[in-house]
Amino acid sequence: MSRATIREALRVLTAQDLIRTAKGAGGGSYVQVPSVRHISDILHSSINLLTAAHHVTVEELLEARELLEVPAARLAAERRANDDVSRLRQCIHDSGPHVDAAVEFAHNTDFHAIVLATSGNTLLAIAAQPIFNVLMTGFTRSSLGTRFHQAVRRQHRDIADAIDKGDPGLAGDLMHHHLEYLRPNYERLWEQAKRTRSR
């Protein structure tokens, strides 16, 4: 095998954080254990490519998100600790009548990430977070208005309350209703983005 081929293989593995390369007397290439964050990032990039190539529809993304996040909310209600509930509540931004969309979306991202983490299932988090991030790309570029953000805050509070009470049925139902509330907005923004790309 040529040196160029080996160099290219090492470059690809380094880009994927599967090895690290050190220089100097004790230098060389060392295997790294992939992290949850890293695997999730790879999935995010791959799903982005699929959606850009129109191999994945917004309906498929929304369906997958529901199949992952509703059970995650149920598990979170069964497995939550006090600090999990506190972190959830801290993610519910309360800025009064004035809304900063970027701040709201950062808090929303954190809220869903903590629900997934609280479920205690690493694979749920790895699978769901990239889907959420792909869907949120369209949201962050849009202006959805104060009423929308206030409704999302209320729904997040209700989900946090159900998780705090340890009620898995209610937590799952509320997450389902929350995702159904978001669905028309995702579909509308997805359609707008598709029309923009086709011009």
N, C-alpha and C. Protein backbone atom coordinates (compact mmCIF):
# COMPACT_ATOMS: atom_id res chain seq x y z
N MET A 1 0.86 -1.20 0.00
CA MET A 1 0.00 0.00 0.00
C MET A 1 0.89 1.25 0.00
N SER A 2 0.54 2.22 -0.79
CA SER A 2 1.39 3.41 -0.91
C SER A 2 1.26 4.31 0.32
N ARG A 3 2.27 5.13 0.54
CA ARG A 3 2.23 6.09 1.65
C ARG A 3 1.09 7.09 1.49
N ALA A 4 0.81 7.46 0.24
CA ALA A 4 -0.28 8.43 -0.01
C ALA A 4 -1.62 7.86 0.45
N THR A 5 -1.84 6.57 0.20
CA THR A 5 -3.09 5.92 0.62
C THR A 5 -3.19 5.89 2.14
N ILE A 6 -2.08 5.55 2.80
CA ILE A 6 -2.07 5.50 4.28
C ILE A 6 -2.29 6.89 4.85
N ARG A 7 -1.65 7.90 4.27
CA ARG A 7 -1.83 9.28 4.74
C ARG A 7 -3.29 9.70 4.62
N GLU A 8 -3.93 9.36 3.49
CA GLU A 8 -5.33 9.71 3.27
C GLU A 8 -6.24 8.99 4.28
N ALA A 9 -5.94 7.71 4.53
CA ALA A 9 -6.74 6.95 5.52
C ALA A 9 -6.60 7.58 6.90
N LEU A 10 -5.39 7.95 7.28
CA LEU A 10 -5.16 8.59 8.59
C LEU A 10 -5.86 9.94 8.66
N ARG A 11 -5.86 10.68 7.54
CA ARG A 11 -6.54 11.98 7.52
C ARG A 11 -8.03 11.82 7.75
N VAL A 12 -8.64 10.83 7.07
CA VAL A 12 -10.08 10.59 7.23
C VAL A 12 -10.41 10.17 8.66
N LEU A 13 -9.62 9.27 9.23
CA LEU A 13 -9.85 8.81 10.60
C LEU A 13 -9.69 9.95 11.61
N THR A 14 -8.73 10.83 11.35
CA THR A 14 -8.53 11.99 12.23
C THR A 14 -9.73 12.93 12.14
N ALA A 15 -10.22 13.16 10.91
CA ALA A 15 -11.38 14.04 10.72
C ALA A 15 -12.61 13.49 11.44
N GLN A 16 -12.69 12.17 11.58
CA GLN A 16 -13.83 11.54 12.26
C GLN A 16 -13.57 11.35 13.77
N ASP A 17 -12.43 11.89 14.25
CA ASP A 17 -12.05 11.76 15.66
C ASP A 17 -11.90 10.32 16.12
N LEU A 18 -11.57 9.43 15.20
CA LEU A 18 -11.37 8.03 15.57
C LEU A 18 -9.91 7.75 15.92
N ILE A 19 -9.01 8.64 15.50
CA ILE A 19 -7.62 8.58 15.94
C ILE A 19 -7.13 9.99 16.24
N ARG A 20 -6.08 10.10 17.02
CA ARG A 20 -5.40 11.38 17.20
C ARG A 20 -3.94 11.17 16.85
N THR A 21 -3.34 12.17 16.26
CA THR A 21 -1.96 12.07 15.81
C THR A 21 -1.11 13.06 16.60
N ALA A 22 -0.04 12.55 17.18
CA ALA A 22 0.88 13.39 17.96
C ALA A 22 2.24 13.40 17.26
N LYS A 23 2.92 14.56 17.34
CA LYS A 23 4.24 14.70 16.73
C LYS A 23 5.31 14.59 17.82
N GLY A 24 6.56 14.48 17.38
CA GLY A 24 7.66 14.45 18.34
C GLY A 24 8.15 13.04 18.60
N ALA A 25 9.03 12.93 19.61
CA ALA A 25 9.68 11.64 19.91
C ALA A 25 8.66 10.56 20.26
N GLY A 26 7.66 10.92 21.02
CA GLY A 26 6.65 9.92 21.40
C GLY A 26 5.43 9.98 20.51
N GLY A 27 5.62 10.51 19.31
CA GLY A 27 4.50 10.73 18.41
C GLY A 27 4.00 9.47 17.75
N GLY A 28 2.91 9.63 17.02
CA GLY A 28 2.30 8.52 16.31
C GLY A 28 0.80 8.72 16.23
N SER A 29 0.12 7.71 15.75
CA SER A 29 -1.34 7.77 15.66
C SER A 29 -1.95 6.83 16.69
N TYR A 30 -2.91 7.35 17.46
CA TYR A 30 -3.49 6.61 18.57
C TYR A 30 -5.01 6.53 18.40
N VAL A 31 -5.55 5.34 18.64
CA VAL A 31 -7.00 5.13 18.52
C VAL A 31 -7.72 5.89 19.63
N GLN A 32 -8.84 6.53 19.27
CA GLN A 32 -9.68 7.22 20.26
C GLN A 32 -11.05 6.56 20.31
N VAL A 33 -11.62 6.52 21.49
CA VAL A 33 -12.98 6.00 21.63
C VAL A 33 -13.94 7.10 21.20
N PRO A 34 -14.85 6.82 20.25
CA PRO A 34 -15.78 7.87 19.80
C PRO A 34 -16.75 8.25 20.92
N SER A 35 -17.08 9.54 20.99
CA SER A 35 -18.01 10.03 22.01
C SER A 35 -19.43 10.05 21.45
N VAL A 36 -20.40 10.15 22.35
CA VAL A 36 -21.80 10.28 21.96
C VAL A 36 -21.98 11.51 21.07
N ARG A 37 -21.37 12.62 21.50
CA ARG A 37 -21.49 13.88 20.75
C ARG A 37 -20.95 13.72 19.33
N HIS A 38 -19.81 13.02 19.22
CA HIS A 38 -19.18 12.88 17.91
C HIS A 38 -20.05 12.04 16.97
N ILE A 39 -20.58 10.91 17.47
CA ILE A 39 -21.43 10.06 16.64
C ILE A 39 -22.69 10.81 16.22
N SER A 40 -23.24 11.58 17.15
CA SER A 40 -24.42 12.38 16.86
C SER A 40 -24.13 13.42 15.77
N ASP A 41 -22.94 14.03 15.83
CA ASP A 41 -22.55 15.02 14.81
C ASP A 41 -22.42 14.39 13.43
N ILE A 42 -21.86 13.17 13.38
CA ILE A 42 -21.73 12.47 12.09
C ILE A 42 -23.12 12.19 11.51
N LEU A 43 -24.04 11.71 12.36
CA LEU A 43 -25.41 11.45 11.91
C LEU A 43 -26.07 12.73 11.41
N HIS A 44 -25.85 13.83 12.13
CA HIS A 44 -26.42 15.12 11.73
C HIS A 44 -25.96 15.49 10.32
N SER A 45 -24.65 15.37 10.07
CA SER A 45 -24.12 15.70 8.73
C SER A 45 -24.71 14.80 7.66
N SER A 46 -24.84 13.51 7.98
CA SER A 46 -25.36 12.55 7.01
C SER A 46 -26.84 12.82 6.70
N ILE A 47 -27.63 13.10 7.74
CA ILE A 47 -29.05 13.38 7.53
C ILE A 47 -29.22 14.68 6.74
N ASN A 48 -28.37 15.66 7.01
CA ASN A 48 -28.40 16.91 6.25
C ASN A 48 -28.17 16.66 4.77
N LEU A 49 -27.20 15.80 4.47
CA LEU A 49 -26.91 15.47 3.07
C LEU A 49 -28.10 14.78 2.41
N LEU A 50 -28.73 13.86 3.14
CA LEU A 50 -29.88 13.15 2.60
C LEU A 50 -31.06 14.08 2.33
N THR A 51 -31.29 15.02 3.25
CA THR A 51 -32.40 15.95 3.06
C THR A 51 -32.11 16.91 1.91
N ALA A 52 -30.86 17.34 1.79
CA ALA A 52 -30.50 18.24 0.69
C ALA A 52 -30.67 17.55 -0.67
N ALA A 53 -30.46 16.23 -0.68
CA ALA A 53 -30.61 15.47 -1.93
C ALA A 53 -32.04 14.96 -2.12
N HIS A 54 -32.94 15.37 -1.26
CA HIS A 54 -34.37 15.00 -1.32
C HIS A 54 -34.61 13.50 -1.15
N HIS A 55 -33.70 12.81 -0.43
CA HIS A 55 -33.91 11.39 -0.14
C HIS A 55 -34.68 11.20 1.16
N VAL A 56 -34.79 12.26 1.95
CA VAL A 56 -35.54 12.21 3.21
C VAL A 56 -36.52 13.38 3.20
N THR A 57 -37.77 13.12 3.52
CA THR A 57 -38.79 14.17 3.52
C THR A 57 -38.99 14.71 4.94
N VAL A 58 -39.62 15.86 5.02
CA VAL A 58 -39.92 16.43 6.33
C VAL A 58 -40.88 15.52 7.09
N GLU A 59 -41.78 14.84 6.38
CA GLU A 59 -42.71 13.92 7.05
C GLU A 59 -41.95 12.77 7.72
N GLU A 60 -40.92 12.27 7.04
CA GLU A 60 -40.11 11.19 7.63
C GLU A 60 -39.36 11.68 8.86
N LEU A 61 -38.82 12.89 8.78
CA LEU A 61 -38.10 13.44 9.93
C LEU A 61 -39.04 13.63 11.12
N LEU A 62 -40.24 14.16 10.86
CA LEU A 62 -41.19 14.40 11.94
C LEU A 62 -41.69 13.08 12.54
N GLU A 63 -41.90 12.09 11.69
CA GLU A 63 -42.34 10.79 12.18
C GLU A 63 -41.27 10.15 13.04
N ALA A 64 -40.02 10.21 12.59
CA ALA A 64 -38.90 9.64 13.37
C ALA A 64 -38.73 10.37 14.69
N ARG A 65 -38.88 11.68 14.65
CA ARG A 65 -38.74 12.45 15.89
C ARG A 65 -39.79 12.03 16.91
N GLU A 66 -41.02 11.87 16.46
CA GLU A 66 -42.09 11.46 17.38
C GLU A 66 -41.83 10.07 17.94
N LEU A 67 -41.37 9.15 17.09
CA LEU A 67 -41.10 7.78 17.54
C LEU A 67 -39.97 7.72 18.56
N LEU A 68 -39.10 8.72 18.56
CA LEU A 68 -37.97 8.76 19.50
C LEU A 68 -38.26 9.59 20.74
N GLU A 69 -38.84 10.78 20.54
CA GLU A 69 -38.97 11.71 21.66
C GLU A 69 -40.16 11.43 22.57
N VAL A 70 -41.23 10.83 22.07
CA VAL A 70 -42.36 10.49 22.94
C VAL A 70 -41.95 9.40 23.95
N PRO A 71 -41.34 8.30 23.49
CA PRO A 71 -40.85 7.32 24.47
C PRO A 71 -39.78 7.90 25.41
N ALA A 72 -38.95 8.82 24.88
CA ALA A 72 -37.92 9.44 25.73
C ALA A 72 -38.56 10.22 26.88
N ALA A 73 -39.66 10.93 26.59
CA ALA A 73 -40.37 11.67 27.64
C ALA A 73 -40.95 10.72 28.69
N ARG A 74 -41.48 9.58 28.24
CA ARG A 74 -42.02 8.60 29.18
C ARG A 74 -40.91 8.06 30.09
N LEU A 75 -39.78 7.69 29.48
CA LEU A 75 -38.66 7.17 30.26
C LEU A 75 -38.11 8.23 31.21
N ALA A 76 -38.08 9.48 30.75
CA ALA A 76 -37.58 10.58 31.61
C ALA A 76 -38.44 10.70 32.87
N ALA A 77 -39.77 10.53 32.73
CA ALA A 77 -40.67 10.61 33.88
C ALA A 77 -40.40 9.46 34.86
N GLU A 78 -39.99 8.32 34.34
CA GLU A 78 -39.72 7.16 35.21
C GLU A 78 -38.35 7.26 35.88
N ARG A 79 -37.39 7.92 35.22
CA ARG A 79 -36.00 7.84 35.67
C ARG A 79 -35.43 9.16 36.16
N ARG A 80 -36.24 10.22 36.18
CA ARG A 80 -35.71 11.54 36.49
C ARG A 80 -35.21 11.62 37.93
N ALA A 81 -34.19 12.48 38.07
CA ALA A 81 -33.70 12.87 39.40
C ALA A 81 -34.04 14.35 39.59
N ASN A 82 -33.91 14.83 40.82
CA ASN A 82 -34.27 16.22 41.10
C ASN A 82 -33.48 17.21 40.25
N ASP A 83 -32.18 16.95 40.06
CA ASP A 83 -31.38 17.90 39.28
C ASP A 83 -31.78 17.89 37.81
N ASP A 84 -32.30 16.74 37.31
CA ASP A 84 -32.79 16.69 35.92
C ASP A 84 -33.96 17.65 35.74
N VAL A 85 -34.88 17.62 36.69
CA VAL A 85 -36.07 18.49 36.61
C VAL A 85 -35.65 19.95 36.72
N SER A 86 -34.71 20.23 37.60
CA SER A 86 -34.21 21.62 37.74
C SER A 86 -33.60 22.11 36.44
N ARG A 87 -32.82 21.27 35.80
CA ARG A 87 -32.19 21.66 34.52
C ARG A 87 -33.24 21.87 33.44
N LEU A 88 -34.28 21.03 33.44
CA LEU A 88 -35.37 21.21 32.47
C LEU A 88 -36.03 22.57 32.65
N ARG A 89 -36.33 22.91 33.90
CA ARG A 89 -37.02 24.17 34.18
C ARG A 89 -36.14 25.38 33.84
N GLN A 90 -34.84 25.25 34.02
CA GLN A 90 -33.93 26.35 33.68
C GLN A 90 -33.91 26.61 32.18
N CYS A 91 -34.26 25.61 31.38
CA CYS A 91 -34.26 25.76 29.92
C CYS A 91 -35.51 26.44 29.39
N ILE A 92 -36.49 26.64 30.26
CA ILE A 92 -37.73 27.28 29.80
C ILE A 92 -37.55 28.78 29.99
N HIS A 93 -37.23 29.45 28.91
CA HIS A 93 -36.88 30.87 28.95
C HIS A 93 -38.13 31.70 29.21
N ASP A 94 -38.03 32.63 30.11
CA ASP A 94 -39.18 33.50 30.41
C ASP A 94 -38.74 34.95 30.30
N SER A 95 -38.87 35.49 29.10
CA SER A 95 -38.42 36.86 28.86
C SER A 95 -39.59 37.84 28.82
N GLY A 96 -40.77 37.38 29.28
CA GLY A 96 -41.93 38.26 29.24
C GLY A 96 -42.46 38.39 27.83
N PRO A 97 -43.01 39.55 27.50
CA PRO A 97 -43.64 39.72 26.18
C PRO A 97 -42.64 39.84 25.03
N HIS A 98 -41.37 40.16 25.33
CA HIS A 98 -40.37 40.35 24.27
C HIS A 98 -39.67 39.03 23.99
N VAL A 99 -39.49 38.73 22.71
CA VAL A 99 -38.93 37.45 22.29
C VAL A 99 -37.70 37.68 21.43
N ASP A 100 -36.60 37.02 21.80
CA ASP A 100 -35.42 36.96 20.95
C ASP A 100 -35.37 35.54 20.40
N ALA A 101 -35.63 35.38 19.10
CA ALA A 101 -35.77 34.04 18.51
C ALA A 101 -34.53 33.19 18.74
N ALA A 102 -33.34 33.77 18.60
CA ALA A 102 -32.11 32.98 18.76
C ALA A 102 -32.00 32.43 20.18
N VAL A 103 -32.36 33.25 21.18
CA VAL A 103 -32.32 32.81 22.58
C VAL A 103 -33.36 31.72 22.82
N GLU A 104 -34.57 31.94 22.27
CA GLU A 104 -35.64 30.94 22.44
C GLU A 104 -35.22 29.59 21.86
N PHE A 105 -34.64 29.60 20.67
CA PHE A 105 -34.27 28.35 20.04
C PHE A 105 -33.13 27.66 20.80
N ALA A 106 -32.21 28.43 21.35
CA ALA A 106 -31.14 27.84 22.17
C ALA A 106 -31.73 27.14 23.38
N HIS A 107 -32.69 27.78 24.04
CA HIS A 107 -33.35 27.17 25.21
C HIS A 107 -34.15 25.93 24.80
N ASN A 108 -34.85 26.01 23.66
CA ASN A 108 -35.64 24.87 23.19
C ASN A 108 -34.75 23.67 22.88
N THR A 109 -33.61 23.94 22.26
CA THR A 109 -32.65 22.87 21.95
C THR A 109 -32.19 22.20 23.23
N ASP A 110 -31.84 23.00 24.23
CA ASP A 110 -31.39 22.46 25.51
C ASP A 110 -32.49 21.65 26.19
N PHE A 111 -33.73 22.13 26.13
CA PHE A 111 -34.84 21.44 26.78
C PHE A 111 -34.98 20.02 26.22
N HIS A 112 -35.02 19.91 24.89
CA HIS A 112 -35.20 18.59 24.28
C HIS A 112 -33.99 17.69 24.52
N ALA A 113 -32.80 18.28 24.53
CA ALA A 113 -31.58 17.50 24.80
C ALA A 113 -31.61 16.93 26.22
N ILE A 114 -32.12 17.71 27.18
CA ILE A 114 -32.17 17.24 28.57
C ILE A 114 -33.23 16.17 28.75
N VAL A 115 -34.36 16.30 28.06
CA VAL A 115 -35.38 15.23 28.10
C VAL A 115 -34.75 13.93 27.60
N LEU A 116 -34.03 14.00 26.49
CA LEU A 116 -33.39 12.81 25.93
C LEU A 116 -32.35 12.25 26.89
N ALA A 117 -31.55 13.12 27.49
CA ALA A 117 -30.53 12.65 28.44
C ALA A 117 -31.17 12.03 29.68
N THR A 118 -32.27 12.62 30.14
CA THR A 118 -32.96 12.14 31.34
C THR A 118 -33.60 10.78 31.10
N SER A 119 -33.89 10.45 29.83
CA SER A 119 -34.46 9.13 29.52
C SER A 119 -33.52 8.01 29.93
N GLY A 120 -32.23 8.33 30.03
CA GLY A 120 -31.26 7.32 30.43
C GLY A 120 -30.89 6.34 29.33
N ASN A 121 -31.28 6.64 28.09
CA ASN A 121 -30.99 5.77 26.96
C ASN A 121 -30.10 6.53 25.97
N THR A 122 -28.83 6.19 25.94
CA THR A 122 -27.87 6.90 25.11
C THR A 122 -28.22 6.81 23.63
N LEU A 123 -28.72 5.65 23.19
CA LEU A 123 -29.04 5.48 21.77
C LEU A 123 -30.20 6.36 21.34
N LEU A 124 -31.17 6.58 22.24
CA LEU A 124 -32.26 7.51 21.92
C LEU A 124 -31.71 8.91 21.67
N ALA A 125 -30.79 9.33 22.53
CA ALA A 125 -30.19 10.66 22.38
C ALA A 125 -29.39 10.76 21.08
N ILE A 126 -28.60 9.74 20.78
CA ILE A 126 -27.78 9.74 19.56
C ILE A 126 -28.66 9.83 18.32
N ALA A 127 -29.78 9.10 18.33
CA ALA A 127 -30.65 9.05 17.15
C ALA A 127 -31.52 10.30 17.01
N ALA A 128 -32.02 10.82 18.14
CA ALA A 128 -33.01 11.91 18.08
C ALA A 128 -32.37 13.28 17.90
N GLN A 129 -31.22 13.53 18.51
CA GLN A 129 -30.65 14.87 18.49
C GLN A 129 -30.31 15.35 17.07
N PRO A 130 -29.73 14.51 16.20
CA PRO A 130 -29.45 14.99 14.83
C PRO A 130 -30.73 15.34 14.06
N ILE A 131 -31.80 14.57 14.26
CA ILE A 131 -33.07 14.85 13.58
C ILE A 131 -33.60 16.20 14.04
N PHE A 132 -33.56 16.43 15.35
CA PHE A 132 -34.00 17.70 15.91
C PHE A 132 -33.19 18.86 15.32
N ASN A 133 -31.87 18.69 15.24
CA ASN A 133 -31.00 19.77 14.74
C ASN A 133 -31.28 20.08 13.27
N VAL A 134 -31.53 19.06 12.46
CA VAL A 134 -31.84 19.28 11.03
C VAL A 134 -33.15 20.06 10.91
N LEU A 135 -34.15 19.66 11.67
CA LEU A 135 -35.44 20.36 11.62
C LEU A 135 -35.32 21.80 12.11
N MET A 136 -34.50 22.02 13.12
CA MET A 136 -34.38 23.36 13.71
C MET A 136 -33.68 24.34 12.78
N THR A 137 -32.94 23.84 11.79
CA THR A 137 -32.23 24.75 10.87
C THR A 137 -33.21 25.69 10.18
N GLY A 138 -34.35 25.17 9.73
CA GLY A 138 -35.36 26.00 9.09
C GLY A 138 -36.01 26.96 10.06
N PHE A 139 -36.20 26.51 11.30
CA PHE A 139 -36.84 27.36 12.31
C PHE A 139 -35.97 28.56 12.66
N THR A 140 -34.68 28.35 12.79
CA THR A 140 -33.80 29.43 13.23
C THR A 140 -33.72 30.55 12.19
N ARG A 141 -34.09 30.26 10.96
CA ARG A 141 -34.06 31.29 9.92
C ARG A 141 -35.40 31.98 9.76
N SER A 142 -36.37 31.61 10.57
CA SER A 142 -37.71 32.15 10.39
C SER A 142 -38.12 33.02 11.56
N SER A 143 -39.17 33.78 11.34
CA SER A 143 -39.75 34.60 12.41
C SER A 143 -41.15 34.06 12.69
N LEU A 144 -41.30 33.41 13.85
CA LEU A 144 -42.55 32.73 14.15
C LEU A 144 -43.44 33.52 15.10
N GLY A 145 -42.93 34.59 15.66
CA GLY A 145 -43.77 35.46 16.46
C GLY A 145 -43.84 35.10 17.93
N THR A 146 -44.25 36.08 18.72
CA THR A 146 -44.29 35.94 20.17
C THR A 146 -45.27 34.87 20.62
N ARG A 147 -46.44 34.83 19.99
CA ARG A 147 -47.47 33.88 20.41
C ARG A 147 -46.97 32.44 20.29
N PHE A 148 -46.27 32.14 19.20
CA PHE A 148 -45.73 30.80 18.99
C PHE A 148 -44.76 30.44 20.12
N HIS A 149 -43.81 31.34 20.39
CA HIS A 149 -42.79 31.04 21.41
C HIS A 149 -43.41 30.91 22.80
N GLN A 150 -44.41 31.70 23.09
CA GLN A 150 -45.07 31.59 24.38
C GLN A 150 -45.80 30.25 24.52
N ALA A 151 -46.42 29.79 23.43
CA ALA A 151 -47.09 28.49 23.45
C ALA A 151 -46.09 27.36 23.68
N VAL A 152 -44.93 27.46 23.03
CA VAL A 152 -43.88 26.45 23.22
C VAL A 152 -43.41 26.43 24.66
N ARG A 153 -43.24 27.61 25.26
CA ARG A 153 -42.83 27.68 26.67
C ARG A 153 -43.85 26.97 27.56
N ARG A 154 -45.15 27.26 27.33
CA ARG A 154 -46.20 26.62 28.14
C ARG A 154 -46.16 25.10 28.01
N GLN A 155 -45.99 24.64 26.78
CA GLN A 155 -45.95 23.20 26.55
C GLN A 155 -44.73 22.57 27.22
N HIS A 156 -43.60 23.25 27.17
CA HIS A 156 -42.40 22.75 27.84
C HIS A 156 -42.61 22.69 29.35
N ARG A 157 -43.27 23.70 29.91
CA ARG A 157 -43.55 23.68 31.36
C ARG A 157 -44.42 22.49 31.72
N ASP A 158 -45.44 22.22 30.90
CA ASP A 158 -46.34 21.10 31.17
C ASP A 158 -45.59 19.76 31.11
N ILE A 159 -44.71 19.62 30.12
CA ILE A 159 -43.92 18.39 30.00
C ILE A 159 -43.00 18.24 31.21
N ALA A 160 -42.35 19.33 31.61
CA ALA A 160 -41.46 19.29 32.78
C ALA A 160 -42.24 18.92 34.04
N ASP A 161 -43.46 19.45 34.18
CA ASP A 161 -44.30 19.12 35.35
C ASP A 161 -44.64 17.63 35.37
N ALA A 162 -45.00 17.08 34.20
CA ALA A 162 -45.34 15.66 34.13
C ALA A 162 -44.13 14.78 34.45
N ILE A 163 -42.96 15.17 33.97
CA ILE A 163 -41.74 14.43 34.28
C ILE A 163 -41.44 14.53 35.77
N ASP A 164 -41.61 15.73 36.34
CA ASP A 164 -41.39 15.94 37.77
C ASP A 164 -42.32 15.05 38.60
N LYS A 165 -43.58 14.92 38.17
CA LYS A 165 -44.57 14.10 38.90
C LYS A 165 -44.31 12.60 38.74
N GLY A 166 -43.44 12.24 37.81
CA GLY A 166 -43.18 10.83 37.56
C GLY A 166 -44.33 10.15 36.86
N ASP A 167 -45.01 10.88 35.96
CA ASP A 167 -46.17 10.35 35.24
C ASP A 167 -45.79 10.08 33.78
N PRO A 168 -45.33 8.86 33.46
CA PRO A 168 -44.86 8.59 32.09
C PRO A 168 -45.94 8.72 31.03
N GLY A 169 -47.17 8.29 31.34
CA GLY A 169 -48.26 8.40 30.36
C GLY A 169 -48.53 9.84 29.98
N LEU A 170 -48.63 10.71 31.00
CA LEU A 170 -48.89 12.12 30.75
C LEU A 170 -47.72 12.78 30.03
N ALA A 171 -46.50 12.47 30.45
CA ALA A 171 -45.31 13.06 29.81
C ALA A 171 -45.26 12.69 28.33
N GLY A 172 -45.56 11.43 28.01
CA GLY A 172 -45.56 11.00 26.62
C GLY A 172 -46.65 11.67 25.81
N ASP A 173 -47.86 11.76 26.40
CA ASP A 173 -48.98 12.41 25.71
C ASP A 173 -48.68 13.88 25.43
N LEU A 174 -48.13 14.56 26.43
CA LEU A 174 -47.83 15.99 26.26
C LEU A 174 -46.73 16.22 25.22
N MET A 175 -45.73 15.33 25.19
CA MET A 175 -44.69 15.45 24.16
C MET A 175 -45.30 15.22 22.79
N HIS A 176 -46.20 14.25 22.68
CA HIS A 176 -46.87 13.98 21.41
C HIS A 176 -47.65 15.23 20.94
N HIS A 177 -48.43 15.83 21.84
CA HIS A 177 -49.21 17.03 21.49
C HIS A 177 -48.28 18.19 21.12
N HIS A 178 -47.16 18.31 21.82
CA HIS A 178 -46.19 19.37 21.53
C HIS A 178 -45.65 19.22 20.11
N LEU A 179 -45.26 18.01 19.75
CA LEU A 179 -44.71 17.78 18.41
C LEU A 179 -45.77 17.97 17.32
N GLU A 180 -47.02 17.62 17.64
CA GLU A 180 -48.11 17.85 16.69
C GLU A 180 -48.36 19.36 16.50
N TYR A 181 -48.20 20.13 17.57
CA TYR A 181 -48.34 21.58 17.47
C TYR A 181 -47.27 22.17 16.55
N LEU A 182 -46.05 21.62 16.62
CA LEU A 182 -44.95 22.13 15.81
C LEU A 182 -45.05 21.71 14.34
N ARG A 183 -45.70 20.59 14.09
CA ARG A 183 -45.71 19.98 12.75
C ARG A 183 -46.08 20.95 11.63
N PRO A 184 -47.21 21.70 11.69
CA PRO A 184 -47.57 22.58 10.56
C PRO A 184 -46.50 23.63 10.26
N ASN A 185 -45.83 24.11 11.31
CA ASN A 185 -44.78 25.11 11.11
C ASN A 185 -43.58 24.50 10.39
N TYR A 186 -43.18 23.30 10.79
CA TYR A 186 -42.09 22.62 10.08
C TYR A 186 -42.45 22.39 8.62
N GLU A 187 -43.67 21.92 8.36
CA GLU A 187 -44.08 21.63 6.99
C GLU A 187 -44.09 22.89 6.13
N ARG A 188 -44.57 24.00 6.71
CA ARG A 188 -44.62 25.27 5.98
C ARG A 188 -43.21 25.77 5.67
N LEU A 189 -42.33 25.74 6.66
CA LEU A 189 -40.96 26.23 6.46
C LEU A 189 -40.19 25.35 5.49
N TRP A 190 -40.45 24.04 5.56
CA TRP A 190 -39.79 23.10 4.65
C TRP A 190 -40.20 23.39 3.21
N GLU A 191 -41.48 23.66 3.03
CA GLU A 191 -41.99 23.96 1.68
C GLU A 191 -41.40 25.27 1.17
N GLN A 192 -41.29 26.27 2.04
CA GLN A 192 -40.69 27.55 1.65
C GLN A 192 -39.23 27.36 1.23
N ALA A 193 -38.50 26.56 2.00
CA ALA A 193 -37.08 26.31 1.69
C ALA A 193 -36.94 25.58 0.36
N LYS A 194 -37.85 24.65 0.10
CA LYS A 194 -37.81 23.89 -1.16
C LYS A 194 -38.05 24.82 -2.35
N ARG A 195 -39.00 25.74 -2.20
CA ARG A 195 -39.28 26.69 -3.30
C ARG A 195 -38.08 27.62 -3.52
N THR A 196 -37.43 28.03 -2.44
CA THR A 196 -36.26 28.90 -2.54
C THR A 196 -35.13 28.20 -3.28
N ARG A 197 -34.90 26.90 -2.95
CA ARG A 197 -33.82 26.16 -3.59
C ARG A 197 -34.08 25.94 -5.09
N SER A 198 -35.36 25.83 -5.47
CA SER A 198 -35.68 25.53 -6.87
C SER A 198 -35.63 26.76 -7.78
N ARG A 199 -35.47 27.95 -7.20
CA ARG A 199 -35.43 29.17 -8.03
C ARG A 199 -34.11 29.29 -8.76
